[in-house]
């Protein structure tokens, strides 16, 4: 059973006005626990001034949970939040980058540290990150050779064609990764991405053959003339060209 004095203190922290919270921080700092801080930060009356004062209480700010809660609090002054961002775990950095209520500066710094942590993350952590990461982090993740990371990335709502296109055109990408892009119902149907895949010699043979019939004449011509492509692919492109008569506009573009 919770001590009545502790219960009363917790209630005052949760419901007290800013002046009351500041007084409690001044008078009860040594007695406060991480749970007390959690209650205080949930108060609708907590202010930037209160959070600033809390950040100076060393007996509390040495706790990871307190530093993290301050960095993620929407009322924390930028200068205070930024002090604690660098020491956060990648999951908490991810939460900060995704929280649009926080200042752009805090989110940008969290993103910077998250990118720096990427080489040290496990495959499973990268997969989790790829599902929710911001666009700037996705740019770094798109070169990951693990197909599971790419599969997760392709389903991220923040992913754009601008990010996917360089992957589809990359001569360093693994064939199984390019196959995932080609087979994806959303990104594999984008015309510019299909064109990039069709010209990429790293794209799987079957994927290119499936793409060729969907290309416009000028792009089929480019594939037919692309020296690094196999003779079978170029031959198939020429067959498709022979089967279709060019429109007047296409005739002029081929001249």
C-alpha atoms as a PDB file:
ATOM      1  CA  UNK A   1       0.000   0.000   0.000  1.00  0.00           C
ATOM      2  CA  UNK A   2       1.348   3.423  -0.927  1.00  0.00           C
ATOM      3  CA  UNK A   3       2.442   5.671   1.913  1.00  0.00           C
ATOM      4  CA  UNK A   4      -0.170   8.473   2.441  1.00  0.00           C
ATOM      5  CA  UNK A   5       2.512  11.157   2.394  1.00  0.00           C
ATOM      6  CA  UNK A   6       3.900   9.796  -0.863  1.00  0.00           C
ATOM      7  CA  UNK A   7       0.388   9.565  -2.323  1.00  0.00           C
ATOM      8  CA  UNK A   8      -0.294  13.179  -1.366  1.00  0.00           C
ATOM      9  CA  UNK A   9       3.007  14.345  -2.874  1.00  0.00           C
ATOM     10  CA  UNK A  10       2.292  12.467  -6.109  1.00  0.00           C
ATOM     11  CA  UNK A  11      -1.159  14.084  -6.330  1.00  0.00           C
ATOM     12  CA  UNK A  12       0.317  17.556  -5.852  1.00  0.00           C
ATOM     13  CA  UNK A  13       2.870  16.874  -8.584  1.00  0.00           C
ATOM     14  CA  UNK A  14       0.190  15.650 -10.952  1.00  0.00           C
ATOM     15  CA  UNK A  15      -2.302  18.450 -10.393  1.00  0.00           C
ATOM     16  CA  UNK A  16      -0.326  21.371  -8.994  1.00  0.00           C
ATOM     17  CA  UNK A  17       0.024  24.659 -10.825  1.00  0.00           C
ATOM     18  CA  UNK A  18       3.421  25.735 -12.162  1.00  0.00           C
ATOM     19  CA  UNK A  19       4.243  27.732  -9.020  1.00  0.00           C
ATOM     20  CA  UNK A  20       3.453  24.716  -6.857  1.00  0.00           C
ATOM     21  CA  UNK A  21       5.575  22.435  -9.032  1.00  0.00           C
ATOM     22  CA  UNK A  22       8.519  24.831  -8.820  1.00  0.00           C
ATOM     23  CA  UNK A  23       8.182  24.987  -5.037  1.00  0.00           C
ATOM     24  CA  UNK A  24       8.076  21.203  -4.763  1.00  0.00           C
ATOM     25  CA  UNK A  25      11.189  20.904  -6.929  1.00  0.00           C
ATOM     26  CA  UNK A  26      12.945  23.338  -4.632  1.00  0.00           C
ATOM     27  CA  UNK A  27      11.815  21.836  -1.340  1.00  0.00           C
ATOM     28  CA  UNK A  28      11.365  18.133  -2.107  1.00  0.00           C
ATOM     29  CA  UNK A  29      14.030  17.489  -4.776  1.00  0.00           C
ATOM     30  CA  UNK A  30      15.934  14.914  -2.709  1.00  0.00           C
ATOM     31  CA  UNK A  31      12.761  12.983  -1.930  1.00  0.00           C
ATOM     32  CA  UNK A  32      11.444  12.839  -5.490  1.00  0.00           C
ATOM     33  CA  UNK A  33      11.569   9.566  -7.423  1.00  0.00           C
ATOM     34  CA  UNK A  34      11.415   8.763 -11.131  1.00  0.00           C
ATOM     35  CA  UNK A  35       7.736   7.933 -10.634  1.00  0.00           C
ATOM     36  CA  UNK A  36       7.185  11.371  -9.134  1.00  0.00           C
ATOM     37  CA  UNK A  37       8.822  12.991 -12.158  1.00  0.00           C
ATOM     38  CA  UNK A  38       6.628  10.938 -14.452  1.00  0.00           C
ATOM     39  CA  UNK A  39       3.571  12.277 -12.625  1.00  0.00           C
ATOM     40  CA  UNK A  40       4.845  15.851 -12.814  1.00  0.00           C
ATOM     41  CA  UNK A  41       5.515  15.711 -16.547  1.00  0.00           C
ATOM     42  CA  UNK A  42       1.981  14.440 -17.125  1.00  0.00           C
ATOM     43  CA  UNK A  43       0.544  17.475 -15.389  1.00  0.00           C
ATOM     44  CA  UNK A  44      -1.403  19.808 -17.706  1.00  0.00           C
ATOM     45  CA  UNK A  45       0.173  22.692 -15.800  1.00  0.00           C
ATOM     46  CA  UNK A  46       3.826  21.798 -16.348  1.00  0.00           C
ATOM     47  CA  UNK A  47       5.681  24.623 -18.081  1.00  0.00           C
ATOM     48  CA  UNK A  48       9.007  25.201 -19.819  1.00  0.00           C
ATOM     49  CA  UNK A  49      10.250  26.836 -16.627  1.00  0.00           C
ATOM     50  CA  UNK A  50       9.345  23.779 -14.545  1.00  0.00           C
ATOM     51  CA  UNK A  51      11.051  21.424 -17.001  1.00  0.00           C
ATOM     52  CA  UNK A  52      14.152  23.621 -17.052  1.00  0.00           C
ATOM     53  CA  UNK A  53      14.316  23.531 -13.263  1.00  0.00           C
ATOM     54  CA  UNK A  54      13.777  19.761 -13.261  1.00  0.00           C
ATOM     55  CA  UNK A  55      16.688  19.300 -15.668  1.00  0.00           C
ATOM     56  CA  UNK A  56      19.039  20.926 -13.127  1.00  0.00           C
ATOM     57  CA  UNK A  57      18.191  18.473 -10.328  1.00  0.00           C
ATOM     58  CA  UNK A  58      21.139  16.140 -10.682  1.00  0.00           C
ATOM     59  CA  UNK A  59      19.713  13.373  -8.492  1.00  0.00           C
ATOM     60  CA  UNK A  60      16.868  13.073 -11.019  1.00  0.00           C
ATOM     61  CA  UNK A  61      18.458  13.988 -14.353  1.00  0.00           C
ATOM     62  CA  UNK A  62      21.003  11.179 -14.003  1.00  0.00           C
ATOM     63  CA  UNK A  63      18.171   8.684 -14.567  1.00  0.00           C
ATOM     64  CA  UNK A  64      17.720   7.662 -18.193  1.00  0.00           C
ATOM     65  CA  UNK A  65      13.925   7.699 -17.960  1.00  0.00           C
ATOM     66  CA  UNK A  66      13.954  11.302 -16.740  1.00  0.00           C
ATOM     67  CA  UNK A  67      16.347  12.486 -19.453  1.00  0.00           C
ATOM     68  CA  UNK A  68      14.284  10.703 -22.088  1.00  0.00           C
ATOM     69  CA  UNK A  69      10.986  12.104 -20.788  1.00  0.00           C
ATOM     70  CA  UNK A  70      12.380  15.642 -20.841  1.00  0.00           C
ATOM     71  CA  UNK A  71      13.789  15.273 -24.368  1.00  0.00           C
ATOM     72  CA  UNK A  72      10.424  13.966 -25.600  1.00  0.00           C
ATOM     73  CA  UNK A  73       8.247  16.512 -23.805  1.00  0.00           C
ATOM     74  CA  UNK A  74       6.575  18.987 -26.149  1.00  0.00           C
ATOM     75  CA  UNK A  75       6.960  21.844 -23.618  1.00  0.00           C
ATOM     76  CA  UNK A  76      10.649  21.300 -22.996  1.00  0.00           C
ATOM     77  CA  UNK A  77      12.740  24.262 -24.166  1.00  0.00           C
ATOM     78  CA  UNK A  78      14.902  23.349 -27.157  1.00  0.00           C
ATOM     79  CA  UNK A  79      18.139  24.038 -25.324  1.00  0.00           C
ATOM     80  CA  UNK A  80      17.099  21.687 -22.511  1.00  0.00           C
ATOM     81  CA  UNK A  81      15.805  18.888 -24.755  1.00  0.00           C
ATOM     82  CA  UNK A  82      18.930  19.006 -26.915  1.00  0.00           C
ATOM     83  CA  UNK A  83      21.141  18.394 -23.862  1.00  0.00           C
ATOM     84  CA  UNK A  84      19.649  14.940 -23.443  1.00  0.00           C
ATOM     85  CA  UNK A  85      19.010  13.765 -27.013  1.00  0.00           C
ATOM     86  CA  UNK A  86      22.506  12.470 -27.757  1.00  0.00           C
ATOM     87  CA  UNK A  87      22.408   9.873 -24.983  1.00  0.00           C
ATOM     88  CA  UNK A  88      19.117   8.269 -25.953  1.00  0.00           C
ATOM     89  CA  UNK A  89      18.634   4.771 -27.326  1.00  0.00           C
ATOM     90  CA  UNK A  90      17.677   4.429 -30.982  1.00  0.00           C
ATOM     91  CA  UNK A  91      14.041   3.569 -30.217  1.00  0.00           C
ATOM     92  CA  UNK A  92      13.583   6.805 -28.306  1.00  0.00           C
ATOM     93  CA  UNK A  93      15.387   8.758 -31.020  1.00  0.00           C
ATOM     94  CA  UNK A  94      12.934   7.269 -33.506  1.00  0.00           C
ATOM     95  CA  UNK A  95       9.971   8.369 -31.380  1.00  0.00           C
ATOM     96  CA  UNK A  96      11.338  11.913 -31.303  1.00  0.00           C
ATOM     97  CA  UNK A  97      11.814  12.071 -35.088  1.00  0.00           C
ATOM     98  CA  UNK A  98       8.204  10.916 -35.557  1.00  0.00           C
ATOM     99  CA  UNK A  99       6.639  13.352 -33.066  1.00  0.00           C
ATOM    100  CA  UNK A 100       5.548  16.411 -35.031  1.00  0.00           C
ATOM    101  CA  UNK A 101       4.669  18.231 -31.792  1.00  0.00           C
ATOM    102  CA  UNK A 102       8.374  18.608 -31.012  1.00  0.00           C
ATOM    103  CA  UNK A 103      10.512  21.387 -32.453  1.00  0.00           C
ATOM    104  CA  UNK A 104      12.159  20.801 -35.857  1.00  0.00           C
ATOM    105  CA  UNK A 105      15.571  21.389 -34.275  1.00  0.00           C
ATOM    106  CA  UNK A 106      15.099  18.623 -31.699  1.00  0.00           C
ATOM    107  CA  UNK A 107      13.749  16.219 -34.337  1.00  0.00           C
ATOM    108  CA  UNK A 108      16.652  17.034 -36.680  1.00  0.00           C
ATOM    109  CA  UNK A 109      19.269  16.348 -33.999  1.00  0.00           C
ATOM    110  CA  UNK A 110      17.545  13.094 -33.024  1.00  0.00           C
ATOM    111  CA  UNK A 111      17.576  12.097 -36.695  1.00  0.00           C
ATOM    112  CA  UNK A 112      21.304  12.892 -36.911  1.00  0.00           C
ATOM    113  CA  UNK A 113      22.124  10.657 -33.948  1.00  0.00           C
ATOM    114  CA  UNK A 114      19.830   7.936 -35.272  1.00  0.00           C
ATOM    115  CA  UNK A 115      21.719   7.889 -38.578  1.00  0.00           C
ATOM    116  CA  UNK A 116      25.015   7.666 -36.676  1.00  0.00           C
ATOM    117  CA  UNK A 117      23.724   4.595 -34.797  1.00  0.00           C
ATOM    118  CA  UNK A 118      22.733   2.701 -37.958  1.00  0.00           C
ATOM    119  CA  UNK A 119      26.015   0.772 -38.396  1.00  0.00           C
ATOM    120  CA  UNK A 120      25.681  -0.600 -34.859  1.00  0.00           C
ATOM    121  CA  UNK A 121      22.086  -1.788 -35.176  1.00  0.00           C
ATOM    122  CA  UNK A 122      21.236  -5.447 -35.667  1.00  0.00           C
ATOM    123  CA  UNK A 123      19.311  -6.642 -38.705  1.00  0.00           C
ATOM    124  CA  UNK A 124      16.157  -6.980 -36.611  1.00  0.00           C
ATOM    125  CA  UNK A 125      16.508  -3.434 -35.281  1.00  0.00           C
ATOM    126  CA  UNK A 126      16.997  -2.068 -38.787  1.00  0.00           C
ATOM    127  CA  UNK A 127      13.844  -3.840 -39.924  1.00  0.00           C
ATOM    128  CA  UNK A 128      11.886  -2.254 -37.071  1.00  0.00           C
ATOM    129  CA  UNK A 129      13.422   1.126 -37.866  1.00  0.00           C
ATOM    130  CA  UNK A 130      12.735   0.861 -41.604  1.00  0.00           C
ATOM    131  CA  UNK A 131       8.994   0.531 -40.955  1.00  0.00           C
ATOM    132  CA  UNK A 132       8.729   3.952 -39.272  1.00  0.00           C
ATOM    133  CA  UNK A 133      11.855   5.976 -40.026  1.00  0.00           C
ATOM    134  CA  UNK A 134      11.800   9.480 -41.483  1.00  0.00           C
ATOM    135  CA  UNK A 135      12.722  10.143 -45.109  1.00  0.00           C
ATOM    136  CA  UNK A 136      16.320  11.147 -44.302  1.00  0.00           C
ATOM    137  CA  UNK A 137      16.904   7.896 -42.413  1.00  0.00           C
ATOM    138  CA  UNK A 138      15.288   5.886 -45.210  1.00  0.00           C
ATOM    139  CA  UNK A 139      17.841   7.342 -47.640  1.00  0.00           C
ATOM    140  CA  UNK A 140      20.569   5.709 -45.539  1.00  0.00           C
ATOM    141  CA  UNK A 141      18.668   2.457 -45.131  1.00  0.00           C
ATOM    142  CA  UNK A 142      17.883   1.952 -48.826  1.00  0.00           C
ATOM    143  CA  UNK A 143      21.450   0.750 -49.482  1.00  0.00           C
ATOM    144  CA  UNK A 144      21.165  -2.018 -46.893  1.00  0.00           C
ATOM    145  CA  UNK A 145      21.834  -5.403 -48.538  1.00  0.00           C
ATOM    146  CA  UNK A 146      19.326  -7.230 -46.349  1.00  0.00           C
ATOM    147  CA  UNK A 147      16.122  -7.847 -48.363  1.00  0.00           C
ATOM    148  CA  UNK A 148      14.085  -7.915 -45.135  1.00  0.00           C
ATOM    149  CA  UNK A 149      15.149  -4.346 -44.373  1.00  0.00           C
ATOM    150  CA  UNK A 150      14.172  -3.259 -47.895  1.00  0.00           C
ATOM    151  CA  UNK A 151      10.821  -5.038 -47.645  1.00  0.00           C
ATOM    152  CA  UNK A 152      10.070  -3.124 -44.437  1.00  0.00           C
ATOM    153  CA  UNK A 153      11.270   0.118 -46.011  1.00  0.00           C
ATOM    154  CA  UNK A 154       8.962  -0.311 -49.013  1.00  0.00           C
ATOM    155  CA  UNK A 155       5.953  -0.291 -46.677  1.00  0.00           C
ATOM    156  CA  UNK A 156       6.954   2.865 -44.818  1.00  0.00           C
ATOM    157  CA  UNK A 157       4.337   5.606 -45.318  1.00  0.00           C
ATOM    158  CA  UNK A 158       7.115   8.236 -45.471  1.00  0.00           C
ATOM    159  CA  UNK A 159       8.798   6.583 -48.453  1.00  0.00           C
ATOM    160  CA  UNK A 160       8.709   8.558 -51.705  1.00  0.00           C
ATOM    161  CA  UNK A 161       9.533   7.797 -55.309  1.00  0.00           C
ATOM    162  CA  UNK A 162      12.497  10.163 -54.997  1.00  0.00           C
ATOM    163  CA  UNK A 163      13.999   7.749 -52.451  1.00  0.00           C
ATOM    164  CA  UNK A 164      13.126   4.533 -54.292  1.00  0.00           C
ATOM    165  CA  UNK A 165      14.311   5.609 -57.757  1.00  0.00           C
ATOM    166  CA  UNK A 166      18.068   5.652 -56.963  1.00  0.00           C
ATOM    167  CA  UNK A 167      17.711   2.173 -55.471  1.00  0.00           C
ATOM    168  CA  UNK A 168      16.015   0.877 -58.617  1.00  0.00           C
ATOM    169  CA  UNK A 169      18.832   2.344 -60.713  1.00  0.00           C
ATOM    170  CA  UNK A 170      21.706   1.314 -58.433  1.00  0.00           C
ATOM    171  CA  UNK A 171      24.298  -0.956 -60.011  1.00  0.00           C
ATOM    172  CA  UNK A 172      25.405  -1.855 -56.486  1.00  0.00           C
ATOM    173  CA  UNK A 173      22.003  -3.205 -55.429  1.00  0.00           C
ATOM    174  CA  UNK A 174      21.606  -6.939 -55.011  1.00  0.00           C
ATOM    175  CA  UNK A 175      19.326  -8.655 -57.562  1.00  0.00           C
ATOM    176  CA  UNK A 176      17.038  -9.997 -54.820  1.00  0.00           C
ATOM    177  CA  UNK A 177      16.598  -6.446 -53.493  1.00  0.00           C
ATOM    178  CA  UNK A 178      15.717  -5.135 -56.969  1.00  0.00           C
ATOM    179  CA  UNK A 179      13.316  -8.042 -57.362  1.00  0.00           C
ATOM    180  CA  UNK A 180      11.481  -6.856 -54.240  1.00  0.00           C
ATOM    181  CA  UNK A 181      11.109  -3.376 -55.728  1.00  0.00           C
ATOM    182  CA  UNK A 182       9.882  -4.765 -59.045  1.00  0.00           C
ATOM    183  CA  UNK A 183       7.338  -7.039 -57.351  1.00  0.00           C
ATOM    184  CA  UNK A 184       6.014  -4.401 -54.947  1.00  0.00           C
ATOM    185  CA  UNK A 185       2.404  -3.528 -55.751  1.00  0.00           C
ATOM    186  CA  UNK A 186       2.915   0.183 -55.112  1.00  0.00           C
ATOM    187  CA  UNK A 187       6.462   0.964 -56.210  1.00  0.00           C
ATOM    188  CA  UNK A 188       6.796  -1.671 -58.935  1.00  0.00           C
ATOM    189  CA  UNK A 189       3.868  -0.070 -60.724  1.00  0.00           C
ATOM    190  CA  UNK A 190       5.494   3.386 -60.924  1.00  0.00           C
ATOM    191  CA  UNK A 191       6.564   3.986 -64.504  1.00  0.00           C
ATOM    192  CA  UNK A 192       9.868   5.753 -63.809  1.00  0.00           C
ATOM    193  CA  UNK A 193      10.859   2.990 -61.411  1.00  0.00           C
ATOM    194  CA  UNK A 194      10.051   0.321 -64.005  1.00  0.00           C
ATOM    195  CA  UNK A 195      12.217   2.203 -66.508  1.00  0.00           C
ATOM    196  CA  UNK A 196      15.109   2.346 -64.031  1.00  0.00           C
ATOM    197  CA  UNK A 197      14.776  -1.365 -63.291  1.00  0.00           C
ATOM    198  CA  UNK A 198      14.648  -2.210 -66.996  1.00  0.00           C
ATOM    199  CA  UNK A 199      17.958  -0.437 -67.599  1.00  0.00           C
ATOM    200  CA  UNK A 200      19.683  -1.835 -64.516  1.00  0.00           C
ATOM    201  CA  UNK A 201      21.822  -4.841 -65.412  1.00  0.00           C
ATOM    202  CA  UNK A 202      21.567  -5.991 -61.793  1.00  0.00           C
ATOM    203  CA  UNK A 203      17.802  -6.446 -62.110  1.00  0.00           C
ATOM    204  CA  UNK A 204      16.738 -10.103 -62.272  1.00  0.00           C
ATOM    205  CA  UNK A 205      16.240 -11.425 -65.808  1.00  0.00           C
ATOM    206  CA  UNK A 206      12.606 -12.404 -65.196  1.00  0.00           C
ATOM    207  CA  UNK A 207      11.807  -9.023 -63.685  1.00  0.00           C
ATOM    208  CA  UNK A 208      13.086  -7.174 -66.753  1.00  0.00           C
ATOM    209  CA  UNK A 209      11.202  -9.451 -69.143  1.00  0.00           C
ATOM    210  CA  UNK A 210       7.996  -8.763 -67.190  1.00  0.00           C
ATOM    211  CA  UNK A 211       8.597  -5.009 -67.329  1.00  0.00           C
ATOM    212  CA  UNK A 212       9.429  -4.699 -71.044  1.00  0.00           C
ATOM    213  CA  UNK A 213       5.850  -5.059 -72.390  1.00  0.00           C
ATOM    214  CA  UNK A 214       4.750  -2.167 -70.145  1.00  0.00           C
ATOM    215  CA  UNK A 215       7.332   0.311 -71.480  1.00  0.00           C
ATOM    216  CA  UNK A 216       6.785   3.072 -73.977  1.00  0.00           C
ATOM    217  CA  UNK A 217       8.512   2.777 -77.306  1.00  0.00           C
ATOM    218  CA  UNK A 218      11.331   5.219 -76.552  1.00  0.00           C
ATOM    219  CA  UNK A 219      12.217   3.285 -73.392  1.00  0.00           C
ATOM    220  CA  UNK A 220      12.109  -0.043 -75.239  1.00  0.00           C
ATOM    221  CA  UNK A 221      14.558   1.437 -77.752  1.00  0.00           C
ATOM    222  CA  UNK A 222      16.862   2.405 -74.877  1.00  0.00           C
ATOM    223  CA  UNK A 223      16.800  -1.159 -73.551  1.00  0.00           C
ATOM    224  CA  UNK A 224      17.390  -2.610 -77.038  1.00  0.00           C
ATOM    225  CA  UNK A 225      20.461  -0.399 -77.438  1.00  0.00           C
ATOM    226  CA  UNK A 226      21.813  -0.857 -73.900  1.00  0.00           C
ATOM    227  CA  UNK A 227      25.115  -2.665 -74.450  1.00  0.00           C
ATOM    228  CA  UNK A 228      25.522  -4.201 -70.959  1.00  0.00           C
ATOM    229  CA  UNK A 229      22.180  -6.007 -71.264  1.00  0.00           C
ATOM    230  CA  UNK A 230      22.135  -9.639 -72.322  1.00  0.00           C
ATOM    231  CA  UNK A 231      21.391 -10.441 -75.935  1.00  0.00           C
ATOM    232  CA  UNK A 232      18.148 -12.174 -74.887  1.00  0.00           C
ATOM    233  CA  UNK A 233      16.781  -9.027 -73.227  1.00  0.00           C
ATOM    234  CA  UNK A 234      17.778  -6.813 -76.145  1.00  0.00           C
ATOM    235  CA  UNK A 235      16.277  -9.288 -78.595  1.00  0.00           C
ATOM    236  CA  UNK A 236      13.004  -9.352 -76.656  1.00  0.00           C
ATOM    237  CA  UNK A 237      12.898  -5.537 -76.625  1.00  0.00           C
ATOM    238  CA  UNK A 238      13.404  -5.499 -80.406  1.00  0.00           C
ATOM    239  CA  UNK A 239      10.601  -8.039 -80.873  1.00  0.00           C
ATOM    240  CA  UNK A 240       8.225  -5.849 -78.875  1.00  0.00           C
ATOM    241  CA  UNK A 241       9.258  -2.843 -80.952  1.00  0.00           C
ATOM    242  CA  UNK A 242       8.571  -4.756 -84.147  1.00  0.00           C
ATOM    243  CA  UNK A 243       5.113  -5.791 -82.928  1.00  0.00           C
ATOM    244  CA  UNK A 244       3.979  -2.248 -82.221  1.00  0.00           C
ATOM    245  CA  UNK A 245       3.776   0.582 -84.709  1.00  0.00           C
ATOM    246  CA  UNK A 246       5.007   3.935 -83.415  1.00  0.00           C
ATOM    247  CA  UNK A 247       2.606   6.832 -83.090  1.00  0.00           C
ATOM    248  CA  UNK A 248       3.303  10.042 -85.013  1.00  0.00           C
ATOM    249  CA  UNK A 249       4.727  11.623 -81.848  1.00  0.00           C
ATOM    250  CA  UNK A 250       7.000   8.646 -81.297  1.00  0.00           C
ATOM    251  CA  UNK A 251       8.198   8.746 -84.899  1.00  0.00           C
ATOM    252  CA  UNK A 252       9.337  12.332 -84.406  1.00  0.00           C
ATOM    253  CA  UNK A 253      11.029  11.477 -81.076  1.00  0.00           C
ATOM    254  CA  UNK A 254      12.967   8.661 -82.720  1.00  0.00           C
ATOM    255  CA  UNK A 255      14.398  10.896 -85.415  1.00  0.00           C
END
